[in-house]
Amino acid sequence: MSIASPRLPVPRVTRRPIPRIGMACVALLSLLLAGIAAADTRAYRVETVAGGLDHPWSLAFLPDGRMLVTERAGRLRVIERGADGAFALRDAPVDGVPQVLAMGQAGLFDVMVDPGFAQTGLIYLSFAHGTAEANHLRIVRARFDGTRLHDVAPVFTSQPAKRAGQHFGGRMALLADGTLVTAVGDGNLERTDAQRLHTHLGKTIRVHTDGRVPRNNPFVGRAGALPEIYTTGHRNPQAIVRVGDALYSNEHGAKGGDELNAIAAGANYGWPITTDGVDYTGARVTPYRTWPGITAPLTHWTPSIAPSGMAWYDGTLFPAWRGSLFVSALVERSVRRVPMAGGVPGVQDILFAELGERIRDVRSGPDGALYLLTDSASGRVLRVVPAD
């Protein structure tokens, strides 16, 4: 299909010198902003909860205060409080975790605790399943007894199988009606699959927690469409978070064009028809940043920050942070605070850059603290609390 390139008007820019008084105001404003940044840095302290983790990927909280952490290599770990009240990483990984394909970007990804865990003991895991030549994103649910997983059952397996170990997606969230959503990357092979309905690649997916397809999914009954598909046009989703009735996700662009999106059933998010980035070679993926029928991102990051995890903060320890999305970043080695008002992002803060570490995940804890996972072969779980 050939699409004619629209002719866009080129605005004329007139440059005017900044008056000296204006320069003085700019300098004063810079000093004030520097002071605010320093005050923000001093307003919190960062504690190490656990270390020695092999590329930790996701964190979840159990009702009794324990934490579950996934390691990309395929281990599920438990953090609990010792007799002295301090956090401690249990030496032995959880038994019964399904076999995980660990290579490249493939591995054990997200862990999510069922809202009824106190009664059911159910948790959900997402991971790369299969072989290097034929692999899938798989989600399972299982009953956790404190040391082992039982009754492991598949909930979703992406189709078709793909080659190589890139662009899996795998973050999970539960909607208000109890259905499960996840996001699947485009596989980094045939990017136009993100626009094709016969494949799960480049889509968000919605299923019941036992794997059944909801009857009101937007493509149910459409010829040639997989019924699990919820939205289309995604490149490499990294996080998905529900806030009330709103659903937000972030995803990697290529070179630039990382996105924060508001997810709506049946919407098309553009990849590879529209993007604010270019290919890693510098070549254009597409000449279009917008196109009729494409849902534009709420914001994009160009140059790329490489967003990873994401959390909604509404805790009490940091009142100034309430009502914000927190987006962890790998390349920027930071966490972006994105204040939200009426679904619209505000001016962002760059936090925790002083750590100098790739941040894989960020979570809001039940204690009101913010938790971070550092992405390395000796990764850590960090806890952010007020300085005083």
Protein backbone atom coordinates (compact mmCIF):
# COMPACT_ATOMS: atom_id res chain seq x y z
CA MET A 1 0.00 0.00 0.00
CA SER A 2 1.37 3.44 -0.94
CA ILE A 3 0.58 6.43 1.25
CA ALA A 4 1.13 9.90 -0.16
CA SER A 5 3.31 12.08 2.04
CA PRO A 6 1.41 15.21 3.14
CA ARG A 7 2.93 18.64 2.52
CA LEU A 8 3.46 20.36 5.84
CA PRO A 9 4.06 24.10 6.24
CA VAL A 10 7.53 25.04 7.51
CA PRO A 11 7.28 27.69 10.23
CA ARG A 12 9.60 30.68 10.08
CA VAL A 13 11.59 31.09 13.29
CA THR A 14 12.85 34.54 14.24
CA ARG A 15 15.68 34.55 16.75
CA ARG A 16 15.90 37.55 19.07
CA PRO A 17 18.73 38.28 21.49
CA ILE A 18 17.90 37.84 25.15
CA PRO A 19 18.13 41.14 27.03
CA ARG A 20 20.69 41.35 29.81
CA ILE A 21 17.96 41.58 32.43
CA GLY A 22 16.46 38.43 30.91
CA MET A 23 19.79 36.65 31.20
CA ALA A 24 19.96 37.62 34.87
CA CYS A 25 16.49 36.21 35.43
CA VAL A 26 17.49 32.98 33.69
CA ALA A 27 20.58 32.69 35.90
CA LEU A 28 18.54 33.32 39.05
CA LEU A 29 15.94 30.77 37.96
CA SER A 30 18.70 28.22 37.33
CA LEU A 31 20.03 28.73 40.86
CA LEU A 32 16.55 28.36 42.32
CA LEU A 33 15.92 25.17 40.35
CA ALA A 34 19.29 23.79 41.45
CA GLY A 35 18.30 24.47 45.05
CA ILE A 36 14.98 22.70 44.59
CA ALA A 37 16.73 19.67 43.07
CA ALA A 38 19.17 19.54 45.97
CA ALA A 39 16.32 19.80 48.47
CA ASP A 40 14.49 16.95 46.71
CA THR A 41 17.63 14.79 46.90
CA ARG A 42 17.97 15.43 50.62
CA ALA A 43 14.28 14.70 51.20
CA TYR A 44 14.78 10.94 50.91
CA ARG A 45 17.28 8.24 51.72
CA VAL A 46 17.82 4.96 49.89
CA GLU A 47 18.24 1.74 51.87
CA THR A 48 19.37 -1.65 50.56
CA VAL A 49 16.75 -4.31 51.28
CA ALA A 50 18.56 -7.19 49.55
CA GLY A 51 21.58 -7.64 47.28
CA GLY A 52 23.29 -10.33 45.26
CA LEU A 53 20.34 -10.87 42.88
CA ASP A 54 20.95 -11.94 39.28
CA HIS A 55 19.27 -9.26 37.14
CA PRO A 56 16.13 -8.88 39.28
CA TRP A 57 13.16 -8.06 37.05
CA SER A 58 10.00 -7.67 39.12
CA LEU A 59 8.83 -7.25 42.71
CA ALA A 60 5.50 -8.05 44.37
CA PHE A 61 4.24 -7.77 47.95
CA LEU A 62 2.44 -10.51 49.89
CA PRO A 63 -0.21 -9.60 52.49
CA ASP A 64 1.98 -10.72 55.40
CA GLY A 65 4.86 -8.39 54.50
CA ARG A 66 7.02 -10.82 52.51
CA MET A 67 8.17 -9.85 49.03
CA LEU A 68 8.60 -11.94 45.89
CA VAL A 69 11.38 -11.07 43.43
CA THR A 70 11.99 -12.60 40.01
CA GLU A 71 15.49 -13.10 38.65
CA ARG A 72 15.75 -13.09 34.87
CA ALA A 73 17.71 -16.36 34.90
CA GLY A 74 14.55 -18.16 36.08
CA ARG A 75 14.49 -18.01 39.87
CA LEU A 76 11.75 -16.70 42.16
CA ARG A 77 13.12 -15.41 45.46
CA VAL A 78 11.55 -14.50 48.81
CA ILE A 79 12.48 -11.51 50.96
CA GLU A 80 11.25 -11.68 54.56
CA ARG A 81 11.95 -10.05 57.87
CA GLY A 82 14.29 -11.82 60.23
CA ALA A 83 14.02 -12.14 64.00
CA ASP A 84 15.69 -8.74 64.36
CA GLY A 85 13.07 -7.13 62.11
CA ALA A 86 15.53 -6.52 59.27
CA PHE A 87 14.82 -7.62 55.70
CA ALA A 88 16.60 -10.77 54.57
CA LEU A 89 16.78 -12.62 51.25
CA ARG A 90 15.96 -16.28 51.73
CA ASP A 91 18.86 -18.43 50.53
CA ALA A 92 16.82 -21.05 48.69
CA PRO A 93 14.78 -20.03 45.62
CA VAL A 94 11.11 -21.04 45.43
CA ASP A 95 10.66 -24.61 44.15
CA GLY A 96 8.32 -25.53 41.32
CA VAL A 97 8.96 -22.58 38.99
CA PRO A 98 8.39 -23.70 35.36
CA GLN A 99 11.37 -24.07 33.05
CA VAL A 100 12.33 -20.67 31.65
CA LEU A 101 14.15 -19.81 28.43
CA ALA A 102 16.95 -17.49 29.57
CA MET A 103 18.93 -15.88 26.74
CA GLY A 104 19.34 -12.31 25.54
CA GLN A 105 16.30 -10.43 26.77
CA ALA A 106 14.45 -13.68 27.47
CA GLY A 107 13.93 -14.99 30.98
CA LEU A 108 11.60 -14.88 33.97
CA PHE A 109 9.75 -11.58 33.90
CA ASP A 110 6.82 -10.39 36.01
CA VAL A 111 5.30 -11.68 39.23
CA MET A 112 1.81 -10.59 40.29
CA VAL A 113 -0.06 -11.52 43.46
CA ASP A 114 -3.77 -12.33 43.21
CA PRO A 115 -5.97 -9.91 45.23
CA GLY A 116 -7.43 -12.95 47.02
CA PHE A 117 -4.03 -14.41 47.88
CA ALA A 118 -4.81 -14.67 51.61
CA GLN A 119 -7.54 -17.19 50.76
CA THR A 120 -6.26 -18.73 47.50
CA GLY A 121 -2.47 -18.47 47.62
CA LEU A 122 -2.49 -17.66 43.88
CA ILE A 123 0.27 -15.80 42.07
CA TYR A 124 0.97 -15.20 38.36
CA LEU A 125 4.29 -15.41 36.54
CA SER A 126 5.26 -14.35 33.01
CA PHE A 127 8.33 -15.72 31.25
CA ALA A 128 9.95 -16.71 27.96
CA HIS A 129 8.90 -20.25 27.08
CA GLY A 130 10.25 -22.65 24.45
CA THR A 131 13.54 -22.68 22.55
CA ALA A 132 15.76 -20.12 20.86
CA GLU A 133 14.26 -21.09 17.49
CA ALA A 134 10.62 -21.24 18.64
CA ASN A 135 9.69 -19.23 21.72
CA HIS A 136 6.65 -17.55 23.24
CA LEU A 137 5.62 -15.27 26.08
CA ARG A 138 3.80 -17.45 28.59
CA ILE A 139 1.77 -16.57 31.69
CA VAL A 140 0.97 -19.15 34.35
CA ARG A 141 -0.87 -19.07 37.63
CA ALA A 142 0.12 -21.21 40.59
CA ARG A 143 -0.55 -21.69 44.27
CA PHE A 144 2.32 -20.59 46.52
CA ASP A 145 2.59 -22.29 49.92
CA GLY A 146 5.52 -20.22 51.16
CA THR A 147 8.30 -22.39 49.76
CA ARG A 148 6.95 -24.06 46.62
CA LEU A 149 4.58 -23.53 43.67
CA HIS A 150 1.75 -26.03 43.20
CA ASP A 151 -0.91 -26.56 40.52
CA VAL A 152 0.97 -24.54 37.90
CA ALA A 153 -1.39 -23.92 34.97
CA PRO A 154 -0.90 -21.90 31.75
CA VAL A 155 -3.14 -18.83 31.39
CA PHE A 156 -1.80 -17.43 28.11
CA THR A 157 0.85 -18.39 25.54
CA SER A 158 1.59 -15.98 22.71
CA GLN A 159 1.19 -17.20 19.14
CA PRO A 160 2.86 -17.87 16.82
CA ALA A 161 6.28 -19.02 17.99
CA LYS A 162 9.07 -16.60 17.13
CA ARG A 163 12.83 -16.75 16.75
CA ALA A 164 15.49 -15.00 18.86
CA GLY A 165 15.26 -13.59 22.35
CA GLN A 166 14.04 -10.01 22.02
CA HIS A 167 10.95 -7.88 22.62
CA PHE A 168 8.82 -10.13 24.83
CA GLY A 169 6.90 -7.65 26.96
CA GLY A 170 5.41 -9.59 29.87
CA ARG A 171 4.25 -7.09 32.48
CA MET A 172 0.80 -7.85 33.90
CA ALA A 173 -2.09 -5.99 35.49
CA LEU A 174 -5.65 -6.78 36.57
CA LEU A 175 -8.51 -4.61 35.37
CA ALA A 176 -11.36 -3.59 37.67
CA ASP A 177 -13.47 -6.50 36.34
CA GLY A 178 -10.78 -9.01 37.33
CA THR A 179 -9.54 -9.74 33.81
CA LEU A 180 -5.80 -9.93 33.20
CA VAL A 181 -3.96 -7.75 30.70
CA THR A 182 -0.42 -8.15 29.46
CA ALA A 183 1.61 -6.66 26.63
CA VAL A 184 3.59 -8.60 24.00
CA GLY A 185 6.48 -7.09 22.04
CA ASP A 186 6.80 -7.25 18.26
CA GLY A 187 9.63 -9.82 18.43
CA ASN A 188 12.01 -7.44 16.63
CA LEU A 189 11.76 -9.54 13.45
CA GLU A 190 8.82 -8.45 11.31
CA ARG A 191 7.75 -5.14 12.83
CA THR A 192 4.60 -4.91 10.70
CA ASP A 193 3.23 -7.86 12.68
CA ALA A 194 2.25 -5.22 15.25
CA GLN A 195 -0.49 -4.19 12.79
CA ARG A 196 -1.65 -7.72 11.87
CA LEU A 197 -4.46 -9.41 13.80
CA HIS A 198 -3.43 -13.03 13.16
CA THR A 199 -0.53 -12.72 15.63
CA HIS A 200 -0.17 -11.66 19.26
CA LEU A 201 3.13 -9.88 18.50
CA GLY A 202 3.00 -6.13 19.10
CA LYS A 203 -0.30 -6.27 21.00
CA THR A 204 -1.79 -5.94 24.44
CA ILE A 205 -3.79 -9.01 25.44
CA ARG A 206 -6.82 -9.43 27.72
CA VAL A 207 -7.95 -12.77 29.16
CA HIS A 208 -9.68 -14.11 32.24
CA THR A 209 -7.30 -15.35 34.93
CA ASP A 210 -8.08 -18.94 33.93
CA GLY A 211 -7.22 -18.22 30.29
CA ARG A 212 -10.75 -17.84 28.87
CA VAL A 213 -11.31 -15.05 26.35
CA PRO A 214 -13.71 -12.28 27.47
CA ARG A 215 -16.67 -12.04 25.14
CA ASN A 216 -16.39 -8.25 24.95
CA ASN A 217 -12.81 -8.14 23.70
CA PRO A 218 -12.72 -5.73 20.72
CA PHE A 219 -11.75 -8.27 18.03
CA VAL A 220 -13.86 -11.25 19.12
CA GLY A 221 -15.71 -12.65 16.10
CA ARG A 222 -13.62 -10.78 13.54
CA ALA A 223 -12.40 -13.07 10.76
CA GLY A 224 -8.67 -13.77 10.94
CA ALA A 225 -8.21 -12.01 14.30
CA LEU A 226 -6.95 -13.64 17.49
CA PRO A 227 -9.67 -13.02 20.09
CA GLU A 228 -7.28 -12.28 22.97
CA ILE A 229 -6.09 -9.04 21.29
CA TYR A 230 -7.00 -5.87 23.20
CA THR A 231 -4.90 -3.19 21.42
CA THR A 232 -2.48 -3.10 18.48
CA GLY A 233 0.58 -1.22 17.23
CA HIS A 234 3.14 -1.73 20.02
CA ARG A 235 6.89 -2.16 19.64
CA ASN A 236 8.39 -3.33 22.93
CA PRO A 237 6.11 -2.73 25.95
CA GLN A 238 7.85 -2.67 29.31
CA ALA A 239 5.16 -1.87 31.88
CA ILE A 240 1.41 -1.80 32.34
CA VAL A 241 -0.36 -0.23 35.32
CA ARG A 242 -4.02 0.28 36.21
CA VAL A 243 -5.04 3.46 38.04
CA GLY A 244 -8.75 3.32 38.84
CA ASP A 245 -10.43 2.79 35.48
CA ALA A 246 -7.40 4.05 33.51
CA LEU A 247 -4.73 1.74 32.11
CA TYR A 248 -1.25 3.06 31.32
CA SER A 249 1.71 1.41 29.61
CA ASN A 250 5.18 2.41 28.53
CA GLU A 251 7.30 0.99 25.74
CA HIS A 252 10.66 1.26 24.06
CA GLY A 253 10.97 3.02 20.77
CA ALA A 254 14.00 2.31 18.64
CA LYS A 255 16.38 5.30 18.69
CA GLY A 256 14.05 7.75 20.40
CA GLY A 257 10.29 7.47 20.51
CA ASP A 258 9.93 5.77 23.89
CA GLU A 259 6.28 6.18 24.83
CA LEU A 260 3.83 6.55 27.69
CA ASN A 261 0.37 5.47 26.49
CA ALA A 262 -3.18 5.42 27.85
CA ILE A 263 -4.54 2.02 26.83
CA ALA A 264 -8.11 1.80 25.46
CA ALA A 265 -9.82 -1.28 24.04
CA GLY A 266 -9.42 -1.60 20.28
CA ALA A 267 -7.01 1.33 19.92
CA ASN A 268 -4.02 1.30 17.54
CA TYR A 269 -0.81 2.86 18.92
CA GLY A 270 0.89 3.19 15.59
CA TRP A 271 4.04 1.09 15.43
CA PRO A 272 5.50 1.02 12.81
CA ILE A 273 3.17 3.44 10.94
CA THR A 274 3.97 6.28 13.36
CA THR A 275 6.85 6.88 15.76
CA ASP A 276 8.87 9.77 17.17
CA GLY A 277 12.08 7.76 16.84
CA VAL A 278 14.29 6.45 14.06
CA ASP A 279 15.96 3.11 13.47
CA TYR A 280 19.24 2.31 15.24
CA THR A 281 21.03 2.92 11.93
CA GLY A 282 19.60 6.42 11.82
CA ALA A 283 17.27 5.51 8.95
CA ARG A 284 13.64 6.59 9.20
CA VAL A 285 11.19 3.88 10.21
CA THR A 286 8.36 6.01 8.83
CA PRO A 287 7.92 9.65 7.81
CA TYR A 288 4.88 9.99 10.10
CA ARG A 289 4.60 10.95 13.75
CA THR A 290 0.81 11.05 13.59
CA TRP A 291 -1.77 9.47 11.33
CA PRO A 292 -5.59 9.39 11.30
CA GLY A 293 -6.92 6.58 13.46
CA ILE A 294 -3.67 6.21 15.41
CA THR A 295 -3.75 6.92 19.17
CA ALA A 296 -0.88 9.27 20.00
CA PRO A 297 1.23 8.73 23.13
CA LEU A 298 0.57 10.85 26.19
CA THR A 299 4.24 11.76 26.05
CA HIS A 300 7.39 10.42 24.43
CA TRP A 301 11.04 10.40 25.39
CA THR A 302 13.44 11.37 22.63
CA PRO A 303 16.35 10.75 23.09
CA SER A 304 15.43 7.39 24.61
CA ILE A 305 15.50 6.84 28.34
CA ALA A 306 14.70 3.10 27.91
CA PRO A 307 11.68 2.91 30.26
CA SER A 308 11.32 -0.33 32.20
CA GLY A 309 8.98 -0.73 35.19
CA MET A 310 6.22 1.65 36.23
CA ALA A 311 4.21 2.28 39.38
CA TRP A 312 1.42 4.53 40.58
CA TYR A 313 2.20 6.32 43.84
CA ASP A 314 -0.57 7.31 46.23
CA GLY A 315 1.25 6.62 49.50
CA THR A 316 1.53 8.74 52.62
CA LEU A 317 5.31 8.90 53.16
CA PHE A 318 5.82 11.36 50.28
CA PRO A 319 2.75 13.61 50.02
CA ALA A 320 4.30 15.68 47.21
CA TRP A 321 4.62 12.54 45.07
CA ARG A 322 1.01 11.45 45.34
CA GLY A 323 -0.91 11.19 42.09
CA SER A 324 2.20 10.41 40.06
CA LEU A 325 3.38 7.65 37.77
CA PHE A 326 6.95 6.57 38.43
CA VAL A 327 8.81 5.21 35.39
CA SER A 328 12.13 3.45 35.90
CA ALA A 329 14.75 3.89 33.17
CA LEU A 330 17.65 1.72 32.05
CA VAL A 331 19.65 4.01 29.77
CA GLU A 332 19.00 7.19 31.75
CA ARG A 333 19.76 5.27 34.98
CA SER A 334 17.02 7.10 36.81
CA VAL A 335 13.34 7.11 37.71
CA ARG A 336 11.02 9.65 36.08
CA ARG A 337 8.23 11.05 38.25
CA VAL A 338 5.33 11.92 35.97
CA PRO A 339 2.60 13.84 37.84
CA MET A 340 -0.83 13.13 36.36
CA ALA A 341 -3.85 15.44 36.44
CA GLY A 342 -7.00 14.33 34.65
CA GLY A 343 -5.00 11.76 32.69
CA VAL A 344 -2.56 14.42 31.42
CA PRO A 345 1.16 14.23 32.28
CA GLY A 346 2.75 17.23 33.97
CA VAL A 347 6.35 18.40 34.26
CA GLN A 348 8.59 15.44 35.01
CA ASP A 349 11.22 15.05 37.73
CA ILE A 350 14.35 12.93 37.25
CA LEU A 351 15.06 11.05 40.48
CA PHE A 352 17.73 8.66 41.83
CA ALA A 353 20.24 9.41 39.06
CA GLU A 354 22.82 9.70 41.84
CA LEU A 355 22.72 5.91 42.17
CA GLY A 356 24.30 5.58 38.73
CA GLU A 357 22.51 2.25 38.13
CA ARG A 358 20.15 0.85 35.53
CA ILE A 359 16.73 0.66 37.21
CA ARG A 360 14.66 -2.31 36.05
CA ASP A 361 11.53 -1.88 38.17
CA VAL A 362 9.85 0.55 40.52
CA ARG A 363 7.04 -0.35 42.91
CA SER A 364 4.94 1.47 45.49
CA GLY A 365 5.01 -0.54 48.71
CA PRO A 366 2.14 -1.04 51.14
CA ASP A 367 4.25 0.84 53.72
CA GLY A 368 4.24 3.99 51.56
CA ALA A 369 7.89 3.56 50.56
CA LEU A 370 9.10 3.36 46.98
CA TYR A 371 11.02 0.22 45.97
CA LEU A 372 13.58 -0.02 43.15
CA LEU A 373 15.30 -2.97 41.43
CA THR A 374 18.75 -2.43 39.96
CA ASP A 375 19.56 -4.31 36.77
CA SER A 376 22.91 -6.07 37.08
CA ALA A 377 24.46 -9.47 37.76
CA SER A 378 24.59 -8.39 41.39
CA GLY A 379 21.33 -6.49 41.52
CA ARG A 380 19.69 -4.99 44.55
CA VAL A 381 16.26 -4.28 45.96
CA LEU A 382 16.27 -0.71 47.28
CA ARG A 383 13.80 1.06 49.55
CA VAL A 384 13.23 4.82 49.35
CA VAL A 385 12.00 6.48 52.55
CA PRO A 386 11.95 10.05 53.89
CA ALA A 387 15.37 11.28 55.00
CA ASP A 388 14.21 11.99 58.55
